[in-house]
Amino acid sequence: MTNKSYNLGICDISIQYALNGIDSSIEERLLPFLKDSKYYDIKINVDKVKNIEFPKKSIPISVSHFNYVLDNEKNYIWADYCKSALISSSADWCKATISATTNMHTHIEESYLLNLLQGNLSKNKGFILHGSVIKYGNEGIIFTASSGVGKSTQAELWKKYEKAEIINGDKAFIRCFNDEVMVYGSPWSGSSNIIKNEKAPLKAIIVLEQGKENKIRELKDLEKLFLFNTHVYYPYWDKSLVNLVMETLNVVLKKVPVYLLSCKPEREAVSITKKTLEFS
């Protein structure tokens, strides 16, 4: 085991990820996101230690098997099924240390890094959406739905029939800027293993449902928020971050149209969506 540092650019956030005496289990996922930078939005050190002292004075917030202790100076995060690694982060999510007694399992390293990035992303007008992302005509489209409905299938159909590029098969990273809303690929791709360092202006978000025929319509007002909102990864462990994500979400929904596509896994679903989005 040697010391190694990765300078990363993920969703236009610069990250210094330095491992000291620890090997990364997700190196292959990180390599496409290497970036030369002299300035970092987030600095993360992973240090090998003999023992870990978990916070005892505060009762942690428990969300999806992860524990969070937040205060004005430091934040602590650890998985309740892993006692060999602990995150301690600055309150602004810009500087963090992961203390580990041994090399982290792939799932742990992915989850810890994602937690830290999500904290910073939320403060920079961004959020994460469960969905498959394609790039077509230099614009981005997100297919979102519950697992098993057909997000990956629709993305693959666009690739097959329209030569679209799939840039992620599981998580869409979205950021809102003054002029546009951007969608990004990331190292977190679920079971799809589609990992590309690509970005595109977000043209549309497609909420999927399985149907007996192919039909699409634009969603409006509360229906749009209701059907879209369930697929957003909220940082529920921090109310202030949740509020920031909701603010960003409201801006995105004003700028980007959201459609409901009831479909079958066939070419016609691609055709009616393409026509509705006014691609030539």
C-alpha atoms as a PDB file:
ATOM      1  CA  MET A   1       0.000   0.000   0.000  1.00  0.00           C
ATOM      2  CA  THR A   2       1.342   3.402  -0.990  1.00  0.00           C
ATOM      3  CA  ASN A   3       0.236   6.977  -0.833  1.00  0.00           C
ATOM      4  CA  LYS A   4      -1.725   8.081  -3.882  1.00  0.00           C
ATOM      5  CA  SER A   5      -3.673  11.178  -4.816  1.00  0.00           C
ATOM      6  CA  TYR A   6      -6.427  11.609  -7.388  1.00  0.00           C
ATOM      7  CA  ASN A   7      -7.331  15.060  -8.682  1.00  0.00           C
ATOM      8  CA  LEU A   8     -10.906  14.713  -9.869  1.00  0.00           C
ATOM      9  CA  GLY A   9     -13.525  16.784 -11.652  1.00  0.00           C
ATOM     10  CA  ILE A  10     -17.065  15.505 -11.060  1.00  0.00           C
ATOM     11  CA  CYS A  11     -20.071  17.637 -12.126  1.00  0.00           C
ATOM     12  CA  ASP A  12     -17.727  20.647 -12.378  1.00  0.00           C
ATOM     13  CA  ILE A  13     -16.683  20.243  -8.744  1.00  0.00           C
ATOM     14  CA  SER A  14     -12.922  19.837  -8.222  1.00  0.00           C
ATOM     15  CA  ILE A  15     -11.935  17.181  -5.689  1.00  0.00           C
ATOM     16  CA  GLN A  16      -8.574  16.236  -4.241  1.00  0.00           C
ATOM     17  CA  TYR A  17      -8.822  12.639  -3.082  1.00  0.00           C
ATOM     18  CA  ALA A  18      -5.641  11.578  -1.283  1.00  0.00           C
ATOM     19  CA  LEU A  19      -5.119   8.085   0.111  1.00  0.00           C
ATOM     20  CA  ASN A  20      -2.432   7.554   2.724  1.00  0.00           C
ATOM     21  CA  GLY A  21      -1.568   3.923   3.364  1.00  0.00           C
ATOM     22  CA  ILE A  22      -4.911   2.815   1.865  1.00  0.00           C
ATOM     23  CA  ASP A  23      -5.644   1.441  -1.607  1.00  0.00           C
ATOM     24  CA  SER A  24      -8.729   2.566  -3.485  1.00  0.00           C
ATOM     25  CA  SER A  25     -11.245  -0.131  -4.415  1.00  0.00           C
ATOM     26  CA  ILE A  26     -12.908   2.144  -6.992  1.00  0.00           C
ATOM     27  CA  GLU A  27      -9.870   3.401  -8.922  1.00  0.00           C
ATOM     28  CA  GLU A  28     -11.232   2.263 -12.295  1.00  0.00           C
ATOM     29  CA  ARG A  29     -14.393   4.299 -11.708  1.00  0.00           C
ATOM     30  CA  LEU A  30     -12.382   7.394 -10.801  1.00  0.00           C
ATOM     31  CA  LEU A  31      -9.892   7.360 -13.684  1.00  0.00           C
ATOM     32  CA  PRO A  32     -12.272   8.853 -16.311  1.00  0.00           C
ATOM     33  CA  PHE A  33     -12.723  11.857 -13.998  1.00  0.00           C
ATOM     34  CA  LEU A  34      -9.079  12.779 -13.512  1.00  0.00           C
ATOM     35  CA  LYS A  35      -8.537  16.503 -13.907  1.00  0.00           C
ATOM     36  CA  ASP A  36      -5.582  18.866 -13.554  1.00  0.00           C
ATOM     37  CA  SER A  37      -6.462  21.566 -11.068  1.00  0.00           C
ATOM     38  CA  LYS A  38      -4.733  23.950  -8.696  1.00  0.00           C
ATOM     39  CA  TYR A  39      -7.945  24.794  -6.843  1.00  0.00           C
ATOM     40  CA  TYR A  40     -10.194  22.292  -5.094  1.00  0.00           C
ATOM     41  CA  ASP A  41     -13.775  22.630  -3.952  1.00  0.00           C
ATOM     42  CA  ILE A  42     -13.364  19.538  -1.757  1.00  0.00           C
ATOM     43  CA  LYS A  43     -10.229  18.085  -0.164  1.00  0.00           C
ATOM     44  CA  ILE A  44     -10.541  14.513   1.121  1.00  0.00           C
ATOM     45  CA  ASN A  45      -7.808  12.598   2.917  1.00  0.00           C
ATOM     46  CA  VAL A  46      -8.132   8.870   3.531  1.00  0.00           C
ATOM     47  CA  ASP A  47      -5.838   7.890   6.400  1.00  0.00           C
ATOM     48  CA  LYS A  48      -5.024   4.438   7.685  1.00  0.00           C
ATOM     49  CA  VAL A  49      -5.351   4.300  11.461  1.00  0.00           C
ATOM     50  CA  LYS A  50      -5.076   1.606  14.131  1.00  0.00           C
ATOM     51  CA  ASN A  51      -8.261   2.482  15.960  1.00  0.00           C
ATOM     52  CA  ILE A  52     -11.359   4.577  15.327  1.00  0.00           C
ATOM     53  CA  GLU A  53     -13.234   6.539  17.946  1.00  0.00           C
ATOM     54  CA  PHE A  54     -16.856   7.030  16.996  1.00  0.00           C
ATOM     55  CA  PRO A  55     -18.834  10.006  18.381  1.00  0.00           C
ATOM     56  CA  LYS A  56     -20.472   9.093  21.673  1.00  0.00           C
ATOM     57  CA  LYS A  57     -21.878  12.330  23.045  1.00  0.00           C
ATOM     58  CA  SER A  58     -24.500  12.878  20.346  1.00  0.00           C
ATOM     59  CA  ILE A  59     -27.287  10.616  19.150  1.00  0.00           C
ATOM     60  CA  PRO A  60     -26.776  10.085  15.405  1.00  0.00           C
ATOM     61  CA  ILE A  61     -29.364  10.677  12.718  1.00  0.00           C
ATOM     62  CA  SER A  62     -29.945   7.327  11.004  1.00  0.00           C
ATOM     63  CA  VAL A  63     -30.794   7.276   7.281  1.00  0.00           C
ATOM     64  CA  SER A  64     -30.622   4.125   5.107  1.00  0.00           C
ATOM     65  CA  HIS A  65     -28.138   2.310   7.370  1.00  0.00           C
ATOM     66  CA  PHE A  66     -25.888   5.359   7.650  1.00  0.00           C
ATOM     67  CA  ASN A  67     -25.346   7.401  10.796  1.00  0.00           C
ATOM     68  CA  TYR A  68     -24.835  11.166  10.826  1.00  0.00           C
ATOM     69  CA  VAL A  69     -23.699  13.449  13.629  1.00  0.00           C
ATOM     70  CA  LEU A  70     -23.752  17.116  12.637  1.00  0.00           C
ATOM     71  CA  ASP A  71     -22.647  20.139  14.626  1.00  0.00           C
ATOM     72  CA  ASN A  72     -21.353  23.634  13.982  1.00  0.00           C
ATOM     73  CA  GLU A  73     -17.743  22.560  13.515  1.00  0.00           C
ATOM     74  CA  LYS A  74     -17.644  18.972  12.282  1.00  0.00           C
ATOM     75  CA  ASN A  75     -19.836  16.354  10.702  1.00  0.00           C
ATOM     76  CA  TYR A  76     -19.386  12.623  11.217  1.00  0.00           C
ATOM     77  CA  ILE A  77     -20.695   9.839   8.994  1.00  0.00           C
ATOM     78  CA  TRP A  78     -20.397   6.063   9.214  1.00  0.00           C
ATOM     79  CA  ALA A  79     -22.295   3.005   8.069  1.00  0.00           C
ATOM     80  CA  ASP A  80     -23.907   0.992  10.841  1.00  0.00           C
ATOM     81  CA  TYR A  81     -22.613  -2.221   9.196  1.00  0.00           C
ATOM     82  CA  CYS A  82     -19.019  -0.934   8.958  1.00  0.00           C
ATOM     83  CA  LYS A  83     -16.931  -0.190  12.037  1.00  0.00           C
ATOM     84  CA  SER A  84     -13.666   0.101  10.121  1.00  0.00           C
ATOM     85  CA  ALA A  85     -14.131   3.540   8.528  1.00  0.00           C
ATOM     86  CA  LEU A  86     -15.385   6.932   9.705  1.00  0.00           C
ATOM     87  CA  ILE A  87     -15.865  10.270   7.932  1.00  0.00           C
ATOM     88  CA  SER A  88     -15.144  13.528   9.706  1.00  0.00           C
ATOM     89  CA  SER A  89     -15.951  16.583   7.632  1.00  0.00           C
ATOM     90  CA  SER A  90     -15.930  20.327   8.029  1.00  0.00           C
ATOM     91  CA  ALA A  91     -19.384  21.811   8.481  1.00  0.00           C
ATOM     92  CA  ASP A  92     -19.284  23.269   4.945  1.00  0.00           C
ATOM     93  CA  TRP A  93     -18.415  19.890   3.346  1.00  0.00           C
ATOM     94  CA  CYS A  94     -15.241  21.308   1.785  1.00  0.00           C
ATOM     95  CA  LYS A  95     -12.638  19.402   3.798  1.00  0.00           C
ATOM     96  CA  ALA A  96     -12.880  15.853   5.107  1.00  0.00           C
ATOM     97  CA  THR A  97     -10.929  12.924   6.470  1.00  0.00           C
ATOM     98  CA  ILE A  98     -11.896   9.289   6.142  1.00  0.00           C
ATOM     99  CA  SER A  99     -10.193   7.265   8.857  1.00  0.00           C
ATOM    100  CA  ALA A 100      -9.962   3.560   8.017  1.00  0.00           C
ATOM    101  CA  THR A 101      -8.321   0.606   9.703  1.00  0.00           C
ATOM    102  CA  THR A 102      -8.116  -1.339   6.429  1.00  0.00           C
ATOM    103  CA  ASN A 103      -8.908  -0.987   2.738  1.00  0.00           C
ATOM    104  CA  MET A 104     -12.553  -0.075   2.311  1.00  0.00           C
ATOM    105  CA  HIS A 105     -15.019  -2.373   0.571  1.00  0.00           C
ATOM    106  CA  THR A 106     -16.156  -1.016  -2.811  1.00  0.00           C
ATOM    107  CA  HIS A 107     -19.649  -0.189  -1.547  1.00  0.00           C
ATOM    108  CA  ILE A 108     -18.293   1.640   1.501  1.00  0.00           C
ATOM    109  CA  GLU A 109     -15.793   3.723  -0.442  1.00  0.00           C
ATOM    110  CA  GLU A 110     -18.398   4.608  -3.089  1.00  0.00           C
ATOM    111  CA  SER A 111     -20.968   5.538  -0.440  1.00  0.00           C
ATOM    112  CA  TYR A 112     -18.595   7.609   1.677  1.00  0.00           C
ATOM    113  CA  LEU A 113     -17.311   9.572  -1.301  1.00  0.00           C
ATOM    114  CA  LEU A 114     -20.864  10.078  -2.570  1.00  0.00           C
ATOM    115  CA  ASN A 115     -22.011  11.398   0.820  1.00  0.00           C
ATOM    116  CA  LEU A 116     -19.228  13.986   0.855  1.00  0.00           C
ATOM    117  CA  LEU A 117     -19.874  15.076  -2.719  1.00  0.00           C
ATOM    118  CA  GLN A 118     -23.628  15.273  -2.102  1.00  0.00           C
ATOM    119  CA  GLY A 119     -23.083  17.627   0.819  1.00  0.00           C
ATOM    120  CA  ASN A 120     -20.997  19.966  -1.339  1.00  0.00           C
ATOM    121  CA  LEU A 121     -23.211  19.580  -4.399  1.00  0.00           C
ATOM    122  CA  SER A 122     -26.313  20.561  -2.431  1.00  0.00           C
ATOM    123  CA  LYS A 123     -24.637  23.838  -1.458  1.00  0.00           C
ATOM    124  CA  ASN A 124     -23.745  24.519  -5.095  1.00  0.00           C
ATOM    125  CA  LYS A 125     -27.173  24.420  -6.712  1.00  0.00           C
ATOM    126  CA  GLY A 126     -27.125  20.724  -7.475  1.00  0.00           C
ATOM    127  CA  PHE A 127     -28.803  17.431  -6.653  1.00  0.00           C
ATOM    128  CA  ILE A 128     -28.845  13.773  -7.683  1.00  0.00           C
ATOM    129  CA  LEU A 129     -31.714  12.081  -9.507  1.00  0.00           C
ATOM    130  CA  HIS A 130     -32.286   8.341  -9.902  1.00  0.00           C
ATOM    131  CA  GLY A 131     -32.230   7.893 -13.643  1.00  0.00           C
ATOM    132  CA  SER A 132     -30.483   6.933 -16.868  1.00  0.00           C
ATOM    133  CA  VAL A 133     -28.878   9.784 -18.791  1.00  0.00           C
ATOM    134  CA  ILE A 134     -28.399  10.018 -22.539  1.00  0.00           C
ATOM    135  CA  LYS A 135     -26.746  12.645 -24.685  1.00  0.00           C
ATOM    136  CA  TYR A 136     -28.414  13.276 -28.027  1.00  0.00           C
ATOM    137  CA  GLY A 137     -27.700  16.170 -30.367  1.00  0.00           C
ATOM    138  CA  ASN A 138     -25.404  17.658 -27.687  1.00  0.00           C
ATOM    139  CA  GLU A 139     -28.323  17.846 -25.249  1.00  0.00           C
ATOM    140  CA  GLY A 140     -29.150  15.696 -22.257  1.00  0.00           C
ATOM    141  CA  ILE A 141     -32.272  13.651 -21.518  1.00  0.00           C
ATOM    142  CA  ILE A 142     -32.962  11.869 -18.230  1.00  0.00           C
ATOM    143  CA  PHE A 143     -35.242   8.833 -17.951  1.00  0.00           C
ATOM    144  CA  THR A 144     -36.392   8.451 -14.348  1.00  0.00           C
ATOM    145  CA  ALA A 145     -38.583   5.835 -12.691  1.00  0.00           C
ATOM    146  CA  SER A 146     -38.535   3.230  -9.978  1.00  0.00           C
ATOM    147  CA  SER A 147     -36.171   0.300 -10.440  1.00  0.00           C
ATOM    148  CA  GLY A 148     -37.381  -2.212 -12.998  1.00  0.00           C
ATOM    149  CA  VAL A 149     -39.716   0.102 -14.918  1.00  0.00           C
ATOM    150  CA  GLY A 150     -37.404   0.516 -17.910  1.00  0.00           C
ATOM    151  CA  LYS A 151     -34.971   3.434 -17.573  1.00  0.00           C
ATOM    152  CA  SER A 152     -32.033   1.471 -18.958  1.00  0.00           C
ATOM    153  CA  THR A 153     -34.241  -0.076 -21.641  1.00  0.00           C
ATOM    154  CA  GLN A 154     -35.335   3.312 -22.996  1.00  0.00           C
ATOM    155  CA  ALA A 155     -31.750   4.579 -22.917  1.00  0.00           C
ATOM    156  CA  GLU A 156     -30.609   1.503 -24.850  1.00  0.00           C
ATOM    157  CA  LEU A 157     -33.395   1.980 -27.405  1.00  0.00           C
ATOM    158  CA  TRP A 158     -32.207   5.547 -28.022  1.00  0.00           C
ATOM    159  CA  LYS A 159     -28.681   4.241 -28.437  1.00  0.00           C
ATOM    160  CA  LYS A 160     -29.830   1.546 -30.865  1.00  0.00           C
ATOM    161  CA  TYR A 161     -32.170   3.583 -33.046  1.00  0.00           C
ATOM    162  CA  GLU A 162     -30.876   7.154 -32.715  1.00  0.00           C
ATOM    163  CA  LYS A 163     -27.168   6.596 -31.924  1.00  0.00           C
ATOM    164  CA  ALA A 164     -27.553   8.453 -28.629  1.00  0.00           C
ATOM    165  CA  GLU A 165     -24.728   8.212 -26.110  1.00  0.00           C
ATOM    166  CA  ILE A 166     -25.547   6.780 -22.683  1.00  0.00           C
ATOM    167  CA  ILE A 167     -23.465   8.660 -20.122  1.00  0.00           C
ATOM    168  CA  ASN A 168     -24.835   7.058 -16.938  1.00  0.00           C
ATOM    169  CA  GLY A 169     -27.282   4.271 -16.220  1.00  0.00           C
ATOM    170  CA  ASP A 170     -28.326   4.979 -12.647  1.00  0.00           C
ATOM    171  CA  LYS A 171     -27.643   8.447 -11.220  1.00  0.00           C
ATOM    172  CA  ALA A 172     -28.056  11.809 -12.920  1.00  0.00           C
ATOM    173  CA  PHE A 173     -26.098  14.659 -11.367  1.00  0.00           C
ATOM    174  CA  ILE A 174     -27.866  17.958 -12.051  1.00  0.00           C
ATOM    175  CA  ARG A 175     -26.598  21.480 -11.508  1.00  0.00           C
ATOM    176  CA  CYS A 176     -28.384  24.766 -12.058  1.00  0.00           C
ATOM    177  CA  PHE A 177     -26.466  27.748 -13.399  1.00  0.00           C
ATOM    178  CA  ASN A 178     -27.681  31.219 -14.316  1.00  0.00           C
ATOM    179  CA  ASP A 179     -28.010  30.434 -18.013  1.00  0.00           C
ATOM    180  CA  GLU A 180     -28.817  26.735 -18.093  1.00  0.00           C
ATOM    181  CA  VAL A 181     -29.319  23.466 -16.296  1.00  0.00           C
ATOM    182  CA  MET A 182     -26.599  20.866 -16.834  1.00  0.00           C
ATOM    183  CA  VAL A 183     -26.665  17.083 -16.413  1.00  0.00           C
ATOM    184  CA  TYR A 184     -23.501  15.052 -15.775  1.00  0.00           C
ATOM    185  CA  GLY A 185     -22.176  11.543 -15.847  1.00  0.00           C
ATOM    186  CA  SER A 186     -20.511  10.297 -12.664  1.00  0.00           C
ATOM    187  CA  PRO A 187     -18.592   7.352 -11.182  1.00  0.00           C
ATOM    188  CA  TRP A 188     -21.814   6.072  -9.562  1.00  0.00           C
ATOM    189  CA  SER A 189     -23.644   3.953 -12.111  1.00  0.00           C
ATOM    190  CA  GLY A 190     -25.390   1.187 -10.186  1.00  0.00           C
ATOM    191  CA  SER A 191     -25.444  -2.156 -11.975  1.00  0.00           C
ATOM    192  CA  SER A 192     -25.203  -0.531 -15.424  1.00  0.00           C
ATOM    193  CA  ASN A 193     -21.428   0.070 -15.170  1.00  0.00           C
ATOM    194  CA  ILE A 194     -21.815   2.929 -17.645  1.00  0.00           C
ATOM    195  CA  ILE A 195     -19.359   5.559 -16.444  1.00  0.00           C
ATOM    196  CA  LYS A 196     -18.565   8.506 -18.688  1.00  0.00           C
ATOM    197  CA  ASN A 197     -17.174  11.914 -17.882  1.00  0.00           C
ATOM    198  CA  GLU A 198     -19.661  13.795 -20.033  1.00  0.00           C
ATOM    199  CA  LYS A 199     -22.047  16.679 -19.527  1.00  0.00           C
ATOM    200  CA  ALA A 200     -24.800  18.350 -21.521  1.00  0.00           C
ATOM    201  CA  PRO A 201     -27.470  21.036 -21.211  1.00  0.00           C
ATOM    202  CA  LEU A 202     -30.569  19.296 -19.876  1.00  0.00           C
ATOM    203  CA  LYS A 203     -33.338  19.351 -22.496  1.00  0.00           C
ATOM    204  CA  ALA A 204     -35.972  17.244 -20.745  1.00  0.00           C
ATOM    205  CA  ILE A 205     -36.763  14.848 -17.923  1.00  0.00           C
ATOM    206  CA  ILE A 206     -38.888  11.835 -18.813  1.00  0.00           C
ATOM    207  CA  VAL A 207     -40.795  10.038 -16.049  1.00  0.00           C
ATOM    208  CA  LEU A 208     -41.519   6.486 -17.186  1.00  0.00           C
ATOM    209  CA  GLU A 209     -44.362   4.101 -16.568  1.00  0.00           C
ATOM    210  CA  GLN A 210     -45.082   0.816 -18.280  1.00  0.00           C
ATOM    211  CA  GLY A 211     -48.131   0.863 -20.529  1.00  0.00           C
ATOM    212  CA  LYS A 212     -50.085  -1.083 -23.110  1.00  0.00           C
ATOM    213  CA  GLU A 213     -49.473   1.644 -25.682  1.00  0.00           C
ATOM    214  CA  ASN A 214     -46.917   4.376 -26.225  1.00  0.00           C
ATOM    215  CA  LYS A 215     -48.050   7.870 -25.298  1.00  0.00           C
ATOM    216  CA  ILE A 216     -46.395  10.945 -23.853  1.00  0.00           C
ATOM    217  CA  ARG A 217     -47.613  14.160 -22.283  1.00  0.00           C
ATOM    218  CA  GLU A 218     -46.038  17.084 -20.492  1.00  0.00           C
ATOM    219  CA  LEU A 219     -46.594  17.280 -16.756  1.00  0.00           C
ATOM    220  CA  LYS A 220     -47.712  20.465 -15.069  1.00  0.00           C
ATOM    221  CA  ASP A 221     -47.651  22.010 -11.602  1.00  0.00           C
ATOM    222  CA  LEU A 222     -48.256  19.656  -8.645  1.00  0.00           C
ATOM    223  CA  GLU A 223     -48.424  16.532 -10.797  1.00  0.00           C
ATOM    224  CA  LYS A 224     -44.964  17.301 -12.150  1.00  0.00           C
ATOM    225  CA  LEU A 225     -43.550  17.803  -8.686  1.00  0.00           C
ATOM    226  CA  PHE A 226     -45.281  14.711  -7.278  1.00  0.00           C
ATOM    227  CA  LEU A 227     -44.135  12.279  -9.978  1.00  0.00           C
ATOM    228  CA  PHE A 228     -40.614  13.719 -10.229  1.00  0.00           C
ATOM    229  CA  ASN A 229     -39.915  14.329  -6.570  1.00  0.00           C
ATOM    230  CA  THR A 230     -39.949  10.678  -5.494  1.00  0.00           C
ATOM    231  CA  HIS A 231     -36.826   9.987  -7.571  1.00  0.00           C
ATOM    232  CA  VAL A 232     -34.652  12.748  -6.076  1.00  0.00           C
ATOM    233  CA  TYR A 233     -31.903  11.688  -3.671  1.00  0.00           C
ATOM    234  CA  TYR A 234     -32.415  14.111  -0.812  1.00  0.00           C
ATOM    235  CA  PRO A 235     -29.712  14.539   1.864  1.00  0.00           C
ATOM    236  CA  TYR A 236     -32.294  13.821   4.565  1.00  0.00           C
ATOM    237  CA  TRP A 237     -29.593  13.819   7.223  1.00  0.00           C
ATOM    238  CA  ASP A 238     -29.279  17.618   7.021  1.00  0.00           C
ATOM    239  CA  LYS A 239     -32.402  19.810   6.938  1.00  0.00           C
ATOM    240  CA  SER A 240     -30.469  22.816   5.657  1.00  0.00           C
ATOM    241  CA  LEU A 241     -29.187  20.794   2.691  1.00  0.00           C
ATOM    242  CA  VAL A 242     -32.689  19.465   1.985  1.00  0.00           C
ATOM    243  CA  ASN A 243     -33.952  23.041   1.837  1.00  0.00           C
ATOM    244  CA  LEU A 244     -31.177  23.981  -0.592  1.00  0.00           C
ATOM    245  CA  VAL A 245     -31.987  21.011  -2.818  1.00  0.00           C
ATOM    246  CA  MET A 246     -35.679  21.964  -2.818  1.00  0.00           C
ATOM    247  CA  GLU A 247     -34.770  25.510  -3.866  1.00  0.00           C
ATOM    248  CA  THR A 248     -32.627  24.193  -6.710  1.00  0.00           C
ATOM    249  CA  LEU A 249     -35.307  21.690  -7.689  1.00  0.00           C
ATOM    250  CA  ASN A 250     -37.904  24.444  -7.995  1.00  0.00           C
ATOM    251  CA  VAL A 251     -35.628  26.400 -10.327  1.00  0.00           C
ATOM    252  CA  VAL A 252     -34.891  23.328 -12.450  1.00  0.00           C
ATOM    253  CA  LEU A 253     -38.572  22.467 -12.802  1.00  0.00           C
ATOM    254  CA  LYS A 254     -39.258  25.980 -14.064  1.00  0.00           C
ATOM    255  CA  LYS A 255     -36.514  25.734 -16.686  1.00  0.00           C
ATOM    256  CA  VAL A 256     -36.730  22.108 -17.817  1.00  0.00           C
ATOM    257  CA  PRO A 257     -39.911  20.391 -19.089  1.00  0.00           C
ATOM    258  CA  VAL A 258     -40.945  17.112 -17.466  1.00  0.00           C
ATOM    259  CA  TYR A 259     -42.935  14.491 -19.381  1.00  0.00           C
ATOM    260  CA  LEU A 260     -44.752  11.300 -18.481  1.00  0.00           C
ATOM    261  CA  LEU A 261     -44.007   8.542 -20.994  1.00  0.00           C
ATOM    262  CA  SER A 262     -46.245   5.494 -20.830  1.00  0.00           C
ATOM    263  CA  CYS A 263     -44.472   3.005 -22.997  1.00  0.00           C
ATOM    264  CA  LYS A 264     -43.521  -0.424 -24.177  1.00  0.00           C
ATOM    265  CA  PRO A 265     -39.906  -1.464 -24.888  1.00  0.00           C
ATOM    266  CA  GLU A 266     -40.050  -0.705 -28.596  1.00  0.00           C
ATOM    267  CA  ARG A 267     -38.931   1.798 -31.210  1.00  0.00           C
ATOM    268  CA  GLU A 268     -42.221   3.727 -31.275  1.00  0.00           C
ATOM    269  CA  ALA A 269     -41.546   4.929 -27.710  1.00  0.00           C
ATOM    270  CA  VAL A 270     -38.367   6.562 -29.003  1.00  0.00           C
ATOM    271  CA  SER A 271     -40.119   8.054 -32.030  1.00  0.00           C
ATOM    272  CA  ILE A 272     -42.957   9.750 -30.156  1.00  0.00           C
ATOM    273  CA  THR A 273     -40.560  11.102 -27.531  1.00  0.00           C
ATOM    274  CA  LYS A 274     -38.202  12.469 -30.171  1.00  0.00           C
ATOM    275  CA  LYS A 275     -41.104  14.142 -31.966  1.00  0.00           C
ATOM    276  CA  THR A 276     -42.461  15.636 -28.731  1.00  0.00           C
ATOM    277  CA  LEU A 277     -39.044  17.039 -27.820  1.00  0.00           C
ATOM    278  CA  GLU A 278     -38.868  18.574 -31.296  1.00  0.00           C
ATOM    279  CA  PHE A 279     -35.660  16.909 -32.398  1.00  0.00           C
ATOM    280  CA  SER A 280     -35.386  17.007 -36.167  1.00  0.00           C
END
